[in-house]
Structure formats: C-alpha cells, structure tokens
Amino acid sequence: MAHGNGMESFLASLKRARHGTFHAMSLEGLHRDADEFAGRHGSRARNTVDRMTNIVACMVGRSLSFRELIG
C-alpha cells in the first residue's frame, strides 16, 4: 500500500515557498532549497518551541565567517 501523498505534500510546500519566499530558484541552489524543505517537512509534527530548540542546539559550536558566507 504505497502512495505518493507525502511527496505531493513536500513538492507543494516547495512550490509555495518558490512563489511566496524565494521568488526564484536556480538549478545550482536547488539541492540546498530541497534540503531545507526536507528538514521542515520532517519536523512538521513538532511544535514551534521544539523546532527552535533543535535549531539552536545544532548551531552550538558552529560559526560562519562573512568571507565564507559571501564567497
């Protein structure tokens, strides 16, 4: 009993983000956008506080210099 409802939901949220947030996506950056929405899709059952706690916990010990950001 396999179905594609989950994939349709994921693609629908990616499409909504393209029209609402990003306005344009390139093939070069599509893998990053898909990774971001895969993370969002995987955590959709959790509440906002749990999501934010997880994001902050993943940021501890990591840094990104301005040079790396724009390079």
N, C-alpha and C. Protein backbone atom coordinates (compact mmCIF):
# COMPACT_ATOMS: atom_id res chain seq x y z
N MET A 1 0.84 -1.18 0.00
CA MET A 1 0.00 0.00 0.00
C MET A 1 0.89 1.25 0.00
N ALA A 2 1.54 1.51 -1.08
CA ALA A 2 2.36 2.71 -1.20
C ALA A 2 1.56 3.81 -1.89
N HIS A 3 1.81 5.02 -1.48
CA HIS A 3 1.14 6.16 -2.11
C HIS A 3 2.09 7.35 -2.15
N GLY A 4 1.76 8.33 -2.93
CA GLY A 4 2.62 9.49 -3.12
C GLY A 4 2.15 10.74 -2.43
N ASN A 5 1.27 10.61 -1.43
CA ASN A 5 0.74 11.80 -0.77
C ASN A 5 1.82 12.61 -0.06
N GLY A 6 2.77 11.91 0.57
CA GLY A 6 3.84 12.62 1.26
C GLY A 6 4.70 13.41 0.30
N MET A 7 5.00 12.82 -0.84
CA MET A 7 5.81 13.51 -1.84
C MET A 7 5.05 14.69 -2.43
N GLU A 8 3.77 14.52 -2.65
CA GLU A 8 2.96 15.64 -3.15
C GLU A 8 2.95 16.79 -2.16
N SER A 9 2.85 16.47 -0.87
CA SER A 9 2.85 17.50 0.17
C SER A 9 4.19 18.23 0.20
N PHE A 10 5.28 17.49 0.09
CA PHE A 10 6.61 18.09 0.08
C PHE A 10 6.78 19.02 -1.12
N LEU A 11 6.40 18.55 -2.30
CA LEU A 11 6.55 19.36 -3.50
C LEU A 11 5.63 20.58 -3.47
N ALA A 12 4.45 20.44 -2.88
CA ALA A 12 3.54 21.58 -2.77
C ALA A 12 4.13 22.66 -1.87
N SER A 13 4.76 22.26 -0.75
CA SER A 13 5.37 23.26 0.13
C SER A 13 6.57 23.92 -0.54
N LEU A 14 7.34 23.17 -1.30
CA LEU A 14 8.47 23.73 -2.03
C LEU A 14 7.98 24.73 -3.09
N LYS A 15 6.89 24.38 -3.76
CA LYS A 15 6.33 25.27 -4.77
C LYS A 15 5.77 26.54 -4.15
N ARG A 16 5.09 26.41 -2.99
CA ARG A 16 4.57 27.59 -2.29
C ARG A 16 5.70 28.52 -1.86
N ALA A 17 6.81 27.95 -1.41
CA ALA A 17 7.95 28.76 -0.99
C ALA A 17 8.56 29.48 -2.18
N ARG A 18 8.60 28.84 -3.32
CA ARG A 18 9.15 29.48 -4.52
C ARG A 18 8.33 30.71 -4.88
N HIS A 19 7.02 30.59 -4.80
CA HIS A 19 6.17 31.72 -5.15
C HIS A 19 6.10 32.76 -4.04
N GLY A 20 6.20 32.33 -2.78
CA GLY A 20 6.00 33.24 -1.67
C GLY A 20 7.25 33.82 -1.06
N THR A 21 8.32 33.04 -0.96
CA THR A 21 9.50 33.48 -0.23
C THR A 21 10.68 33.74 -1.14
N PHE A 22 11.03 32.77 -1.94
CA PHE A 22 12.26 32.84 -2.71
C PHE A 22 12.08 33.54 -4.06
N HIS A 23 10.93 33.42 -4.68
CA HIS A 23 10.58 34.04 -5.96
C HIS A 23 11.38 33.51 -7.14
N ALA A 24 12.54 32.97 -6.90
CA ALA A 24 13.34 32.40 -7.99
C ALA A 24 14.26 31.34 -7.41
N MET A 25 14.39 30.25 -8.10
CA MET A 25 15.30 29.19 -7.70
C MET A 25 16.14 28.82 -8.90
N SER A 26 17.41 28.55 -8.64
CA SER A 26 18.29 28.14 -9.73
C SER A 26 18.62 26.67 -9.57
N LEU A 27 19.06 26.05 -10.63
CA LEU A 27 19.45 24.65 -10.56
C LEU A 27 20.66 24.46 -9.65
N GLU A 28 21.54 25.47 -9.60
CA GLU A 28 22.73 25.37 -8.77
C GLU A 28 22.38 25.32 -7.28
N GLY A 29 21.34 26.01 -6.86
CA GLY A 29 20.98 26.06 -5.45
C GLY A 29 19.79 25.21 -5.09
N LEU A 30 19.25 24.48 -6.05
CA LEU A 30 18.05 23.69 -5.80
C LEU A 30 18.27 22.63 -4.72
N HIS A 31 19.45 22.03 -4.67
CA HIS A 31 19.71 21.00 -3.66
C HIS A 31 19.66 21.59 -2.25
N ARG A 32 20.12 22.84 -2.08
CA ARG A 32 20.06 23.47 -0.77
C ARG A 32 18.62 23.78 -0.38
N ASP A 33 17.83 24.27 -1.33
CA ASP A 33 16.43 24.56 -1.05
C ASP A 33 15.67 23.27 -0.72
N ALA A 34 15.94 22.21 -1.46
CA ALA A 34 15.28 20.92 -1.21
C ALA A 34 15.69 20.37 0.16
N ASP A 35 16.97 20.53 0.55
CA ASP A 35 17.41 20.08 1.87
C ASP A 35 16.70 20.85 2.98
N GLU A 36 16.57 22.16 2.79
CA GLU A 36 15.88 22.98 3.80
C GLU A 36 14.44 22.52 3.98
N PHE A 37 13.76 22.29 2.88
CA PHE A 37 12.35 21.88 2.98
C PHE A 37 12.19 20.44 3.42
N ALA A 38 13.19 19.61 3.17
CA ALA A 38 13.14 18.25 3.71
C ALA A 38 13.22 18.30 5.23
N GLY A 39 14.05 19.19 5.76
CA GLY A 39 14.11 19.37 7.21
C GLY A 39 12.82 19.91 7.78
N ARG A 40 12.24 20.89 7.10
CA ARG A 40 10.96 21.44 7.56
C ARG A 40 9.86 20.38 7.50
N HIS A 41 9.85 19.61 6.44
CA HIS A 41 8.81 18.59 6.27
C HIS A 41 8.94 17.50 7.34
N GLY A 42 10.18 17.17 7.69
CA GLY A 42 10.41 16.14 8.70
C GLY A 42 10.05 16.57 10.11
N SER A 43 10.05 17.88 10.37
CA SER A 43 9.77 18.35 11.72
C SER A 43 8.39 19.00 11.84
N ARG A 44 7.53 18.80 10.88
CA ARG A 44 6.24 19.49 10.87
C ARG A 44 5.31 19.03 11.99
N ALA A 45 5.53 17.84 12.55
CA ALA A 45 4.65 17.34 13.61
C ALA A 45 5.01 17.92 14.98
N ARG A 46 6.21 18.51 15.10
CA ARG A 46 6.65 19.06 16.38
C ARG A 46 6.15 20.50 16.53
N ASN A 47 6.07 20.96 17.77
CA ASN A 47 5.62 22.34 17.98
C ASN A 47 6.77 23.32 17.76
N THR A 48 6.47 24.59 17.73
CA THR A 48 7.43 25.62 17.38
C THR A 48 8.60 25.68 18.36
N VAL A 49 8.33 25.58 19.64
CA VAL A 49 9.39 25.66 20.64
C VAL A 49 10.37 24.51 20.47
N ASP A 50 9.87 23.31 20.22
CA ASP A 50 10.76 22.16 20.00
C ASP A 50 11.60 22.35 18.75
N ARG A 51 11.02 22.89 17.70
CA ARG A 51 11.78 23.15 16.46
C ARG A 51 12.89 24.16 16.71
N MET A 52 12.56 25.25 17.41
CA MET A 52 13.56 26.29 17.67
C MET A 52 14.67 25.77 18.58
N THR A 53 14.32 24.97 19.57
CA THR A 53 15.32 24.38 20.46
C THR A 53 16.27 23.49 19.68
N ASN A 54 15.75 22.72 18.76
CA ASN A 54 16.58 21.85 17.94
C ASN A 54 17.52 22.66 17.04
N ILE A 55 17.02 23.73 16.45
CA ILE A 55 17.84 24.56 15.57
C ILE A 55 18.98 25.19 16.35
N VAL A 56 18.68 25.74 17.53
CA VAL A 56 19.72 26.37 18.34
C VAL A 56 20.74 25.33 18.81
N ALA A 57 20.28 24.14 19.17
CA ALA A 57 21.20 23.09 19.60
C ALA A 57 22.15 22.69 18.48
N CYS A 58 21.68 22.71 17.25
CA CYS A 58 22.53 22.38 16.11
C CYS A 58 23.52 23.49 15.79
N MET A 59 23.25 24.72 16.24
CA MET A 59 24.13 25.86 15.96
C MET A 59 25.30 25.95 16.93
N VAL A 60 25.20 25.31 18.09
CA VAL A 60 26.24 25.41 19.11
C VAL A 60 27.55 24.86 18.57
N GLY A 61 28.61 25.65 18.70
CA GLY A 61 29.93 25.21 18.26
C GLY A 61 30.21 25.41 16.78
N ARG A 62 29.29 25.98 16.05
CA ARG A 62 29.48 26.21 14.62
C ARG A 62 29.55 27.71 14.36
N SER A 63 30.37 28.09 13.43
CA SER A 63 30.44 29.50 13.07
C SER A 63 30.62 29.62 11.56
N LEU A 64 30.21 30.75 11.04
CA LEU A 64 30.31 31.02 9.62
C LEU A 64 30.83 32.44 9.47
N SER A 65 32.02 32.56 8.90
CA SER A 65 32.59 33.89 8.71
C SER A 65 31.90 34.59 7.56
N PHE A 66 32.01 35.92 7.55
CA PHE A 66 31.39 36.69 6.48
C PHE A 66 32.02 36.31 5.15
N ARG A 67 33.32 36.07 5.14
CA ARG A 67 34.02 35.69 3.91
C ARG A 67 33.47 34.37 3.35
N GLU A 68 33.21 33.40 4.23
CA GLU A 68 32.62 32.14 3.78
C GLU A 68 31.19 32.34 3.29
N LEU A 69 30.47 33.23 3.94
CA LEU A 69 29.08 33.48 3.59
C LEU A 69 28.95 34.07 2.19
N ILE A 70 29.80 35.02 1.85
CA ILE A 70 29.68 35.66 0.55
C ILE A 70 30.55 35.02 -0.52
N GLY A 71 31.49 34.16 -0.12
CA GLY A 71 32.44 33.55 -1.06
C GLY A 71 31.82 32.47 -1.81
